[in-house]
């Protein structure tokens, strides 16, 4: 029996579990540090904590970290890899990934998403529902391209950056590591690492100062 373990009993995890069934995984179970208080995630059982998963790794044909927060997802995946987990990559049957694109271990591509030719998507990334990553893009590890976001060709996205729901990124730009692009933003200039931008055109959000 082909078995998949998902670490993180989240809403994102429910989508991955549903996808896994479509991809032929015969048994899908969750592990989450809220166990034993948390016993189920939708239709799927939660069978233990992170430590329990580490002890049971040989039983699973694949493992995916189903946590939305990029830095946390990356840290968990690194720990699993060091422990010898077989990290799976999931691509929804209704997604299109070019045979000339590359996807890193632990990356997931959701329904309706497109990853075009010569795009390189790092490890532990999320290309979410109806998002697109166009030709020659370079996505670092733990990047999240949110539902309906569109990244034009030759864009570089740094480690653990977040491109929000419905955002659009102009071709040839660079989005730095840890940057956040707000929902619906139109990015027409580079985004520096660690900054948050929003609006049309996207501008850096300035933190409010105390009165």
Protein backbone atom coordinates (compact mmCIF):
# COMPACT_ATOMS: atom_id res chain seq x y z
CA UNK A 1 0.00 0.00 0.00
CA UNK A 2 1.37 3.39 -1.07
CA UNK A 3 1.36 5.60 2.03
CA UNK A 4 1.85 9.38 2.34
CA UNK A 5 2.45 11.27 5.58
CA UNK A 6 1.55 14.95 5.79
CA UNK A 7 3.15 17.00 8.56
CA UNK A 8 0.78 19.77 9.60
CA UNK A 9 -2.97 19.20 10.00
CA UNK A 10 -3.96 22.47 8.33
CA UNK A 11 -6.49 23.62 5.77
CA UNK A 12 -3.64 23.55 3.26
CA UNK A 13 -3.09 19.96 4.36
CA UNK A 14 -6.67 19.04 3.53
CA UNK A 15 -6.11 20.23 -0.03
CA UNK A 16 -2.91 18.19 -0.27
CA UNK A 17 -4.61 15.09 1.12
CA UNK A 18 -7.40 15.41 -1.42
CA UNK A 19 -4.82 15.87 -4.20
CA UNK A 20 -2.85 12.86 -3.01
CA UNK A 21 -5.89 10.65 -3.37
CA UNK A 22 -6.29 11.78 -6.97
CA UNK A 23 -2.62 10.97 -7.58
CA UNK A 24 -2.99 7.39 -6.41
CA UNK A 25 -1.72 7.53 -2.85
CA UNK A 26 -3.72 4.77 -1.19
CA UNK A 27 -3.39 5.93 2.42
CA UNK A 28 -2.84 9.49 3.61
CA UNK A 29 -2.35 10.34 7.30
CA UNK A 30 -1.45 13.49 9.21
CA UNK A 31 1.00 14.24 11.97
CA UNK A 32 0.73 17.43 14.00
CA UNK A 33 2.10 18.65 17.31
CA UNK A 34 -1.47 19.39 18.47
CA UNK A 35 -1.98 15.61 18.72
CA UNK A 36 -3.49 13.88 20.75
CA UNK A 37 -6.00 16.71 21.27
CA UNK A 38 -6.31 16.85 17.48
CA UNK A 39 -7.41 13.47 16.11
CA UNK A 40 -8.72 14.31 12.63
CA UNK A 41 -8.16 16.84 9.87
CA UNK A 42 -11.34 16.64 7.84
CA UNK A 43 -11.69 13.08 6.56
CA UNK A 44 -8.11 12.13 7.45
CA UNK A 45 -6.70 10.82 10.72
CA UNK A 46 -4.01 12.56 12.74
CA UNK A 47 -1.80 9.76 14.09
CA UNK A 48 0.84 11.54 16.14
CA UNK A 49 3.28 14.40 16.57
CA UNK A 50 6.41 15.35 14.67
CA UNK A 51 8.41 13.04 16.92
CA UNK A 52 6.04 10.17 16.16
CA UNK A 53 6.46 10.75 12.43
CA UNK A 54 10.25 10.72 12.81
CA UNK A 55 10.05 7.31 14.47
CA UNK A 56 7.74 5.96 11.76
CA UNK A 57 9.46 7.34 8.66
CA UNK A 58 10.34 3.91 7.18
CA UNK A 59 6.61 3.09 6.96
CA UNK A 60 5.90 5.93 4.52
CA UNK A 61 6.63 6.02 0.80
CA UNK A 62 6.50 9.81 0.85
CA UNK A 63 6.30 12.76 3.24
CA UNK A 64 5.22 16.35 2.56
CA UNK A 65 5.18 19.27 4.99
CA UNK A 66 1.67 20.72 4.79
CA UNK A 67 2.33 24.00 6.63
CA UNK A 68 1.63 27.32 4.93
CA UNK A 69 4.24 29.43 6.73
CA UNK A 70 7.37 29.29 4.58
CA UNK A 71 10.11 29.43 7.22
CA UNK A 72 8.38 26.80 9.35
CA UNK A 73 7.76 24.58 6.32
CA UNK A 74 11.40 24.83 5.35
CA UNK A 75 12.70 24.04 8.85
CA UNK A 76 10.43 20.99 9.12
CA UNK A 77 11.43 19.71 5.69
CA UNK A 78 15.13 20.10 6.46
CA UNK A 79 14.69 18.09 9.67
CA UNK A 80 12.82 15.37 7.77
CA UNK A 81 15.45 15.21 5.05
CA UNK A 82 18.22 14.89 7.62
CA UNK A 83 16.27 12.01 9.21
CA UNK A 84 16.11 10.21 5.87
CA UNK A 85 12.47 10.89 4.92
CA UNK A 86 11.42 10.27 1.33
CA UNK A 87 10.21 13.79 0.48
CA UNK A 88 7.43 13.72 -2.12
CA UNK A 89 6.51 16.30 -4.75
CA UNK A 90 2.80 16.62 -5.58
CA UNK A 91 1.36 17.98 -8.83
CA UNK A 92 -2.42 18.08 -9.21
CA UNK A 93 -3.74 16.26 -12.30
CA UNK A 94 -5.40 19.51 -13.38
CA UNK A 95 -2.14 21.50 -13.20
CA UNK A 96 0.31 21.97 -16.08
CA UNK A 97 4.03 21.69 -15.43
CA UNK A 98 6.23 21.92 -18.52
CA UNK A 99 8.55 18.96 -19.05
CA UNK A 100 11.27 21.60 -19.34
CA UNK A 101 10.54 23.02 -15.87
CA UNK A 102 12.04 21.69 -12.64
CA UNK A 103 10.41 21.24 -9.24
CA UNK A 104 12.32 20.70 -6.01
CA UNK A 105 11.53 18.05 -3.42
CA UNK A 106 8.50 18.80 -1.27
CA UNK A 107 7.03 21.32 -3.71
CA UNK A 108 3.30 21.17 -4.43
CA UNK A 109 1.47 22.49 -7.50
CA UNK A 110 -2.29 22.89 -7.10
CA UNK A 111 -5.24 22.56 -9.47
CA UNK A 112 -5.25 24.98 -12.39
CA UNK A 113 -1.70 26.14 -11.77
CA UNK A 114 0.84 26.50 -14.60
CA UNK A 115 4.62 26.24 -14.42
CA UNK A 116 6.07 27.06 -17.82
CA UNK A 117 9.20 26.03 -19.68
CA UNK A 118 12.57 26.47 -17.98
CA UNK A 119 11.08 27.73 -14.76
CA UNK A 120 13.05 26.40 -11.80
CA UNK A 121 11.00 26.01 -8.61
CA UNK A 122 12.94 25.26 -5.44
CA UNK A 123 12.20 22.83 -2.64
CA UNK A 124 9.20 23.05 -0.31
CA UNK A 125 7.41 25.61 -2.53
CA UNK A 126 3.67 26.07 -3.00
CA UNK A 127 2.31 27.05 -6.42
CA UNK A 128 -1.28 27.44 -5.37
CA UNK A 129 -4.63 27.15 -7.13
CA UNK A 130 -4.74 28.88 -10.56
CA UNK A 131 -1.36 30.54 -10.03
CA UNK A 132 1.21 30.77 -12.81
CA UNK A 133 4.99 30.81 -12.91
CA UNK A 134 6.18 31.71 -16.38
CA UNK A 135 9.25 30.85 -18.43
CA UNK A 136 12.75 31.10 -16.97
CA UNK A 137 11.62 32.09 -13.47
CA UNK A 138 13.85 31.13 -10.56
CA UNK A 139 12.01 30.44 -7.30
CA UNK A 140 14.03 29.83 -4.15
CA UNK A 141 13.14 27.27 -1.52
CA UNK A 142 9.94 27.63 0.58
CA UNK A 143 8.36 30.23 -1.74
CA UNK A 144 4.56 30.51 -1.80
CA UNK A 145 2.82 31.74 -4.96
CA UNK A 146 -0.72 32.18 -3.66
CA UNK A 147 -4.01 31.39 -5.45
CA UNK A 148 -4.50 33.34 -8.65
CA UNK A 149 -1.10 35.07 -8.50
CA UNK A 150 0.85 35.44 -11.74
CA UNK A 151 4.63 35.68 -11.98
CA UNK A 152 5.80 36.74 -15.44
CA UNK A 153 8.89 35.43 -17.21
CA UNK A 154 12.46 35.80 -15.92
CA UNK A 155 11.42 36.72 -12.39
CA UNK A 156 13.59 35.73 -9.44
CA UNK A 157 11.85 35.06 -6.11
CA UNK A 158 14.00 34.64 -3.02
CA UNK A 159 13.85 32.12 -0.20
CA UNK A 160 10.55 31.96 1.73
CA UNK A 161 9.03 34.94 -0.12
CA UNK A 162 5.25 35.18 -0.37
CA UNK A 163 3.34 36.43 -3.43
CA UNK A 164 -0.23 37.09 -2.29
CA UNK A 165 -3.60 36.11 -3.73
CA UNK A 166 -4.22 37.64 -7.15
CA UNK A 167 -0.94 39.53 -7.28
CA UNK A 168 0.89 40.13 -10.57
CA UNK A 169 4.65 40.44 -10.98
CA UNK A 170 6.12 42.12 -14.07
CA UNK A 171 8.70 40.23 -16.11
CA UNK A 172 12.38 40.39 -15.24
CA UNK A 173 12.02 41.58 -11.65
CA UNK A 174 13.56 40.28 -8.43
CA UNK A 175 11.65 39.66 -5.21
CA UNK A 176 13.99 39.30 -2.27
CA UNK A 177 14.12 36.59 0.37
CA UNK A 178 11.37 36.82 2.97
CA UNK A 179 9.51 39.56 1.08
CA UNK A 180 5.72 39.67 1.10
CA UNK A 181 3.60 40.86 -1.82
CA UNK A 182 0.08 41.82 -0.78
CA UNK A 183 -3.09 40.43 -2.27
CA UNK A 184 -3.94 41.99 -5.63
CA UNK A 185 -0.67 43.93 -5.82
CA UNK A 186 0.84 44.90 -9.17
CA UNK A 187 4.60 44.61 -8.81
CA UNK A 188 6.45 46.77 -11.36
CA UNK A 189 9.75 47.27 -9.49
CA UNK A 190 12.11 44.97 -7.62
CA UNK A 191 11.10 44.12 -4.04
CA UNK A 192 13.88 44.16 -1.46
CA UNK A 193 14.40 41.24 0.90
CA UNK A 194 12.27 41.30 4.03
CA UNK A 195 9.94 44.08 2.85
CA UNK A 196 6.18 44.07 2.38
CA UNK A 197 4.61 45.72 -0.64
CA UNK A 198 0.97 46.28 -1.58
CA UNK A 199 -1.20 48.24 -3.98
CA UNK A 200 -1.30 49.06 -7.68
CA UNK A 201 1.46 49.86 -8.39
CA UNK A 202 2.94 48.04 -5.40
CA UNK A 203 4.69 50.24 -2.84
CA UNK A 204 6.53 49.43 0.36
CA UNK A 205 4.31 49.55 3.42
CA UNK A 206 5.78 51.89 6.03
CA UNK A 207 5.32 50.70 9.64
CA UNK A 208 3.27 53.07 11.79
CA UNK A 209 5.25 54.87 14.49
CA UNK A 210 4.01 55.25 18.04
CA UNK A 211 2.34 58.57 18.82
